[in-house]
Amino acid sequence: MLPVVGADLSKRLVPDELWQLAAPLLPSFAAPPQGGGTAPCDERAVFTAVVYALTSGCAWRHLPPTFGTSPATAHRRVTVWTEAGLWRRLHRAVLDELGARGEVDWTSAIVDAASVRAKRGDR
């Protein structure tokens, strides 16, 4: 559970609605078959710490302890989640949810060439 000191910041960074979308998309933690390793962490605390680091520009080593997770754990998880395609799937889930509520205005959109592959041949 998150410490009381960081609870307000944590709720602003990861509101319950966002957590409800993100939680089912997170890869499940699996302990090594030979045992050992570290104990599972509070996934929401780790997710919140990752969101904080990514949105604030905070270096992993300077991650405040109020999030209740170590910088090493947060960095490991963001790596695993990125490799698992979490961010793309979460982006899609957020857009789907907002679209279902009628809160997305698709009358204008920007396509980022860095994320959309250009077609070859046809011009």
N, C-alpha and C. Protein backbone atom coordinates (compact mmCIF):
# COMPACT_ATOMS: atom_id res chain seq x y z
N MET A 1 0.84 -1.19 0.00
CA MET A 1 0.00 0.00 0.00
C MET A 1 0.87 1.24 0.00
N LEU A 2 0.44 2.29 -0.66
CA LEU A 2 1.20 3.52 -0.74
C LEU A 2 1.20 4.24 0.60
N PRO A 3 2.34 4.84 0.98
CA PRO A 3 2.35 5.63 2.20
C PRO A 3 1.40 6.82 2.07
N VAL A 4 0.89 7.28 3.21
CA VAL A 4 -0.08 8.37 3.22
C VAL A 4 0.51 9.63 2.59
N VAL A 5 1.80 9.89 2.78
CA VAL A 5 2.43 11.10 2.27
C VAL A 5 2.27 11.20 0.76
N GLY A 6 2.43 10.09 0.02
CA GLY A 6 2.36 10.12 -1.42
C GLY A 6 1.00 9.78 -1.97
N ALA A 7 0.02 9.53 -1.11
CA ALA A 7 -1.29 9.06 -1.56
C ALA A 7 -1.98 10.09 -2.46
N ASP A 8 -1.93 11.37 -2.09
CA ASP A 8 -2.60 12.39 -2.89
C ASP A 8 -1.95 12.52 -4.26
N LEU A 9 -0.63 12.58 -4.30
CA LEU A 9 0.10 12.65 -5.57
C LEU A 9 -0.17 11.41 -6.41
N SER A 10 -0.18 10.26 -5.77
CA SER A 10 -0.41 9.01 -6.48
C SER A 10 -1.79 8.96 -7.11
N LYS A 11 -2.79 9.45 -6.42
CA LYS A 11 -4.16 9.46 -6.97
C LYS A 11 -4.28 10.44 -8.13
N ARG A 12 -3.49 11.53 -8.10
CA ARG A 12 -3.51 12.47 -9.22
C ARG A 12 -2.78 11.89 -10.43
N LEU A 13 -1.68 11.19 -10.19
CA LEU A 13 -0.91 10.60 -11.29
C LEU A 13 -1.64 9.42 -11.93
N VAL A 14 -2.21 8.58 -11.08
CA VAL A 14 -2.90 7.37 -11.55
C VAL A 14 -4.26 7.29 -10.87
N PRO A 15 -5.25 8.01 -11.42
CA PRO A 15 -6.60 7.93 -10.85
C PRO A 15 -7.15 6.51 -10.96
N ASP A 16 -8.14 6.21 -10.16
CA ASP A 16 -8.74 4.87 -10.16
C ASP A 16 -9.17 4.43 -11.55
N GLU A 17 -9.71 5.35 -12.34
CA GLU A 17 -10.19 5.00 -13.68
C GLU A 17 -9.03 4.53 -14.57
N LEU A 18 -7.89 5.21 -14.48
CA LEU A 18 -6.73 4.80 -15.25
C LEU A 18 -6.20 3.46 -14.76
N TRP A 19 -6.16 3.29 -13.44
CA TRP A 19 -5.67 2.03 -12.88
C TRP A 19 -6.56 0.86 -13.31
N GLN A 20 -7.86 1.07 -13.36
CA GLN A 20 -8.78 0.01 -13.79
C GLN A 20 -8.51 -0.41 -15.23
N LEU A 21 -8.06 0.52 -16.07
CA LEU A 21 -7.70 0.18 -17.45
C LEU A 21 -6.33 -0.49 -17.52
N ALA A 22 -5.39 -0.01 -16.71
CA ALA A 22 -4.01 -0.49 -16.79
C ALA A 22 -3.80 -1.85 -16.13
N ALA A 23 -4.41 -2.07 -14.99
CA ALA A 23 -4.14 -3.28 -14.21
C ALA A 23 -4.29 -4.58 -15.00
N PRO A 24 -5.38 -4.77 -15.77
CA PRO A 24 -5.50 -6.03 -16.49
C PRO A 24 -4.48 -6.19 -17.63
N LEU A 25 -3.86 -5.09 -18.04
CA LEU A 25 -2.90 -5.14 -19.15
C LEU A 25 -1.48 -5.45 -18.70
N LEU A 26 -1.21 -5.33 -17.39
CA LEU A 26 0.14 -5.56 -16.88
C LEU A 26 0.49 -7.04 -16.96
N PRO A 27 1.71 -7.35 -17.42
CA PRO A 27 2.13 -8.75 -17.39
C PRO A 27 2.15 -9.24 -15.95
N SER A 28 1.77 -10.48 -15.74
CA SER A 28 1.73 -11.00 -14.37
C SER A 28 3.13 -11.32 -13.87
N PHE A 29 3.31 -11.15 -12.59
CA PHE A 29 4.58 -11.44 -11.94
C PHE A 29 4.70 -12.95 -11.76
N ALA A 30 5.83 -13.50 -12.13
CA ALA A 30 6.06 -14.93 -11.94
C ALA A 30 7.37 -15.11 -11.18
N ALA A 31 7.28 -15.76 -10.03
CA ALA A 31 8.49 -16.03 -9.26
C ALA A 31 9.33 -17.05 -10.01
N PRO A 32 10.66 -16.97 -9.90
CA PRO A 32 11.51 -17.94 -10.58
C PRO A 32 11.21 -19.35 -10.08
N PRO A 33 11.21 -20.35 -10.97
CA PRO A 33 10.86 -21.71 -10.56
C PRO A 33 11.81 -22.27 -9.50
N GLN A 34 13.06 -21.80 -9.48
CA GLN A 34 14.02 -22.31 -8.50
C GLN A 34 13.89 -21.60 -7.16
N GLY A 35 12.97 -20.65 -7.07
CA GLY A 35 12.77 -19.91 -5.83
C GLY A 35 13.71 -18.71 -5.78
N GLY A 36 13.66 -17.99 -4.68
CA GLY A 36 14.51 -16.82 -4.53
C GLY A 36 13.94 -15.62 -5.23
N GLY A 37 14.78 -14.68 -5.53
CA GLY A 37 14.32 -13.45 -6.15
C GLY A 37 13.69 -12.54 -5.12
N THR A 38 12.99 -11.55 -5.60
CA THR A 38 12.36 -10.60 -4.69
C THR A 38 10.87 -10.89 -4.58
N ALA A 39 10.32 -10.44 -3.50
CA ALA A 39 8.88 -10.64 -3.28
C ALA A 39 8.10 -9.75 -4.23
N PRO A 40 6.90 -10.17 -4.62
CA PRO A 40 6.08 -9.32 -5.48
C PRO A 40 5.80 -7.97 -4.81
N CYS A 41 5.69 -6.94 -5.61
CA CYS A 41 5.43 -5.58 -5.12
C CYS A 41 3.98 -5.21 -5.37
N ASP A 42 3.56 -4.12 -4.76
CA ASP A 42 2.26 -3.54 -5.05
C ASP A 42 2.34 -2.96 -6.46
N GLU A 43 1.67 -3.59 -7.42
CA GLU A 43 1.77 -3.19 -8.82
C GLU A 43 1.33 -1.75 -9.04
N ARG A 44 0.32 -1.32 -8.31
CA ARG A 44 -0.13 0.06 -8.50
C ARG A 44 0.93 1.05 -8.04
N ALA A 45 1.61 0.74 -6.95
CA ALA A 45 2.68 1.61 -6.46
C ALA A 45 3.81 1.69 -7.48
N VAL A 46 4.16 0.56 -8.07
CA VAL A 46 5.23 0.54 -9.07
C VAL A 46 4.78 1.30 -10.32
N PHE A 47 3.55 1.07 -10.77
CA PHE A 47 3.02 1.75 -11.94
C PHE A 47 3.02 3.27 -11.71
N THR A 48 2.61 3.69 -10.54
CA THR A 48 2.57 5.11 -10.21
C THR A 48 3.97 5.71 -10.21
N ALA A 49 4.93 4.99 -9.64
CA ALA A 49 6.31 5.47 -9.63
C ALA A 49 6.84 5.60 -11.05
N VAL A 50 6.50 4.66 -11.92
CA VAL A 50 6.94 4.71 -13.31
C VAL A 50 6.30 5.90 -14.01
N VAL A 51 5.01 6.11 -13.81
CA VAL A 51 4.33 7.26 -14.42
C VAL A 51 4.98 8.56 -13.93
N TYR A 52 5.29 8.63 -12.66
CA TYR A 52 5.95 9.82 -12.13
C TYR A 52 7.30 10.06 -12.82
N ALA A 53 8.11 9.02 -12.89
CA ALA A 53 9.45 9.17 -13.49
C ALA A 53 9.34 9.56 -14.96
N LEU A 54 8.43 8.93 -15.69
CA LEU A 54 8.30 9.21 -17.12
C LEU A 54 7.72 10.59 -17.41
N THR A 55 6.81 11.05 -16.58
CA THR A 55 6.17 12.34 -16.84
C THR A 55 6.93 13.52 -16.25
N SER A 56 7.74 13.28 -15.23
CA SER A 56 8.45 14.38 -14.58
C SER A 56 9.88 14.54 -15.09
N GLY A 57 10.41 13.50 -15.72
CA GLY A 57 11.80 13.53 -16.14
C GLY A 57 12.76 13.19 -15.02
N CYS A 58 12.23 12.73 -13.91
CA CYS A 58 13.04 12.35 -12.76
C CYS A 58 13.94 11.17 -13.13
N ALA A 59 15.20 11.24 -12.76
CA ALA A 59 16.11 10.11 -12.97
C ALA A 59 15.66 8.98 -12.04
N TRP A 60 15.78 7.75 -12.52
CA TRP A 60 15.33 6.60 -11.72
C TRP A 60 15.97 6.62 -10.35
N ARG A 61 17.26 6.96 -10.27
CA ARG A 61 17.97 6.92 -8.97
C ARG A 61 17.44 7.97 -8.00
N HIS A 62 16.71 8.96 -8.50
CA HIS A 62 16.15 10.01 -7.64
C HIS A 62 14.66 9.82 -7.35
N LEU A 63 14.14 8.67 -7.68
CA LEU A 63 12.73 8.39 -7.44
C LEU A 63 12.43 8.50 -5.94
N PRO A 64 11.47 9.34 -5.55
CA PRO A 64 11.19 9.51 -4.11
C PRO A 64 10.73 8.21 -3.46
N PRO A 65 11.17 7.94 -2.25
CA PRO A 65 10.77 6.71 -1.55
C PRO A 65 9.29 6.70 -1.17
N THR A 66 8.60 7.83 -1.27
CA THR A 66 7.18 7.89 -0.91
C THR A 66 6.31 7.01 -1.81
N PHE A 67 6.85 6.59 -2.96
CA PHE A 67 6.08 5.72 -3.84
C PHE A 67 6.05 4.27 -3.35
N GLY A 68 6.93 3.95 -2.41
CA GLY A 68 6.90 2.61 -1.83
C GLY A 68 7.54 1.53 -2.68
N THR A 69 8.39 1.92 -3.63
CA THR A 69 9.09 0.95 -4.45
C THR A 69 10.50 1.49 -4.72
N SER A 70 11.41 0.58 -4.97
CA SER A 70 12.79 1.01 -5.22
C SER A 70 12.95 1.49 -6.66
N PRO A 71 13.91 2.37 -6.88
CA PRO A 71 14.18 2.80 -8.25
C PRO A 71 14.53 1.63 -9.18
N ALA A 72 15.26 0.65 -8.66
CA ALA A 72 15.63 -0.52 -9.47
C ALA A 72 14.40 -1.31 -9.90
N THR A 73 13.46 -1.51 -8.98
CA THR A 73 12.23 -2.23 -9.31
C THR A 73 11.42 -1.47 -10.35
N ALA A 74 11.28 -0.17 -10.17
CA ALA A 74 10.52 0.64 -11.12
C ALA A 74 11.17 0.57 -12.51
N HIS A 75 12.47 0.68 -12.56
CA HIS A 75 13.17 0.63 -13.85
C HIS A 75 13.04 -0.74 -14.50
N ARG A 76 13.17 -1.80 -13.72
CA ARG A 76 13.00 -3.16 -14.26
C ARG A 76 11.61 -3.34 -14.84
N ARG A 77 10.60 -2.88 -14.09
CA ARG A 77 9.21 -3.06 -14.56
C ARG A 77 8.94 -2.26 -15.83
N VAL A 78 9.42 -1.03 -15.91
CA VAL A 78 9.16 -0.24 -17.12
C VAL A 78 9.80 -0.92 -18.32
N THR A 79 10.94 -1.56 -18.12
CA THR A 79 11.59 -2.29 -19.21
C THR A 79 10.75 -3.49 -19.63
N VAL A 80 10.29 -4.26 -18.67
CA VAL A 80 9.45 -5.44 -18.96
C VAL A 80 8.15 -5.01 -19.61
N TRP A 81 7.52 -3.98 -19.08
CA TRP A 81 6.24 -3.51 -19.61
C TRP A 81 6.40 -2.98 -21.03
N THR A 82 7.50 -2.29 -21.29
CA THR A 82 7.73 -1.76 -22.63
C THR A 82 7.92 -2.91 -23.62
N GLU A 83 8.72 -3.89 -23.25
CA GLU A 83 8.94 -5.05 -24.12
C GLU A 83 7.65 -5.82 -24.36
N ALA A 84 6.74 -5.81 -23.39
CA ALA A 84 5.47 -6.52 -23.52
C ALA A 84 4.42 -5.71 -24.29
N GLY A 85 4.75 -4.49 -24.69
CA GLY A 85 3.82 -3.66 -25.45
C GLY A 85 2.73 -3.00 -24.62
N LEU A 86 2.98 -2.84 -23.32
CA LEU A 86 1.97 -2.28 -22.43
C LEU A 86 1.52 -0.89 -22.86
N TRP A 87 2.45 -0.01 -23.21
CA TRP A 87 2.11 1.39 -23.46
C TRP A 87 1.20 1.54 -24.67
N ARG A 88 1.47 0.78 -25.71
CA ARG A 88 0.62 0.81 -26.91
C ARG A 88 -0.79 0.31 -26.57
N ARG A 89 -0.87 -0.79 -25.82
CA ARG A 89 -2.17 -1.36 -25.46
C ARG A 89 -2.93 -0.45 -24.50
N LEU A 90 -2.22 0.19 -23.58
CA LEU A 90 -2.87 1.11 -22.65
C LEU A 90 -3.37 2.34 -23.38
N HIS A 91 -2.59 2.85 -24.32
CA HIS A 91 -3.03 4.00 -25.12
C HIS A 91 -4.32 3.66 -25.85
N ARG A 92 -4.37 2.48 -26.43
CA ARG A 92 -5.57 2.05 -27.16
C ARG A 92 -6.76 1.91 -26.20
N ALA A 93 -6.54 1.34 -25.02
CA ALA A 93 -7.61 1.17 -24.04
C ALA A 93 -8.17 2.52 -23.58
N VAL A 94 -7.28 3.49 -23.37
CA VAL A 94 -7.72 4.83 -22.97
C VAL A 94 -8.54 5.47 -24.08
N LEU A 95 -8.06 5.37 -25.33
CA LEU A 95 -8.81 5.93 -26.45
C LEU A 95 -10.17 5.25 -26.62
N ASP A 96 -10.20 3.93 -26.46
CA ASP A 96 -11.47 3.20 -26.56
C ASP A 96 -12.45 3.65 -25.48
N GLU A 97 -11.95 3.82 -24.26
CA GLU A 97 -12.81 4.25 -23.16
C GLU A 97 -13.33 5.66 -23.40
N LEU A 98 -12.45 6.56 -23.79
CA LEU A 98 -12.88 7.93 -24.06
C LEU A 98 -13.84 7.98 -25.25
N GLY A 99 -13.57 7.17 -26.26
CA GLY A 99 -14.47 7.10 -27.42
C GLY A 99 -15.84 6.60 -27.04
N ALA A 100 -15.90 5.59 -26.17
CA ALA A 100 -17.18 5.05 -25.72
C ALA A 100 -17.99 6.09 -24.95
N ARG A 101 -17.29 6.99 -24.27
CA ARG A 101 -17.96 8.06 -23.52
C ARG A 101 -18.29 9.26 -24.41
N GLY A 102 -17.83 9.23 -25.64
CA GLY A 102 -18.04 10.38 -26.54
C GLY A 102 -17.14 11.54 -26.21
N GLU A 103 -16.00 11.28 -25.59
CA GLU A 103 -15.11 12.35 -25.16
C GLU A 103 -13.90 12.53 -26.09
N VAL A 104 -13.91 11.88 -27.24
CA VAL A 104 -12.82 12.05 -28.20
C VAL A 104 -13.38 12.76 -29.42
N ASP A 105 -12.74 13.84 -29.79
CA ASP A 105 -13.15 14.59 -30.98
C ASP A 105 -12.23 14.20 -32.12
N TRP A 106 -12.74 13.36 -33.02
CA TRP A 106 -11.93 12.86 -34.13
C TRP A 106 -12.03 13.76 -35.36
N THR A 107 -12.63 14.96 -35.22
CA THR A 107 -12.73 15.83 -36.38
C THR A 107 -11.37 16.39 -36.80
N SER A 108 -10.43 16.38 -35.89
CA SER A 108 -9.06 16.75 -36.26
C SER A 108 -8.11 15.84 -35.51
N ALA A 109 -7.07 15.43 -36.21
CA ALA A 109 -6.09 14.53 -35.60
C ALA A 109 -4.73 14.81 -36.22
N ILE A 110 -3.69 14.45 -35.50
CA ILE A 110 -2.33 14.61 -36.00
C ILE A 110 -1.72 13.22 -36.09
N VAL A 111 -1.11 12.93 -37.21
CA VAL A 111 -0.42 11.66 -37.38
C VAL A 111 1.07 11.94 -37.26
N ASP A 112 1.71 11.26 -36.37
CA ASP A 112 3.13 11.42 -36.14
C ASP A 112 3.88 10.46 -37.06
N ALA A 113 4.70 10.98 -37.92
CA ALA A 113 5.43 10.15 -38.89
C ALA A 113 6.39 9.19 -38.21
N ALA A 114 6.75 9.48 -36.98
CA ALA A 114 7.67 8.58 -36.28
C ALA A 114 6.98 7.30 -35.86
N SER A 115 5.66 7.30 -35.79
CA SER A 115 4.95 6.12 -35.33
C SER A 115 4.09 5.46 -36.41
N VAL A 116 4.01 6.06 -37.59
CA VAL A 116 3.23 5.50 -38.68
C VAL A 116 4.17 5.21 -39.85
N ARG A 117 4.20 3.97 -40.25
CA ARG A 117 5.10 3.57 -41.33
C ARG A 117 4.64 4.16 -42.66
N ALA A 118 5.58 4.73 -43.39
CA ALA A 118 5.28 5.30 -44.71
C ALA A 118 5.15 4.18 -45.73
N LYS A 119 4.22 4.34 -46.67
CA LYS A 119 4.05 3.37 -47.77
C LYS A 119 5.11 3.64 -48.82
N ARG A 120 5.64 2.58 -49.37
CA ARG A 120 6.61 2.73 -50.47
C ARG A 120 5.91 2.50 -51.80
N GLY A 121 6.37 3.17 -52.80
CA GLY A 121 5.85 2.93 -54.14
C GLY A 121 4.74 3.90 -54.50
N ASP A 122 3.55 3.73 -53.94
CA ASP A 122 2.42 4.60 -54.28
C ASP A 122 2.63 5.99 -53.68
N ARG A 123 2.46 6.97 -54.52
CA ARG A 123 2.62 8.35 -54.02
C ARG A 123 1.36 9.11 -54.16
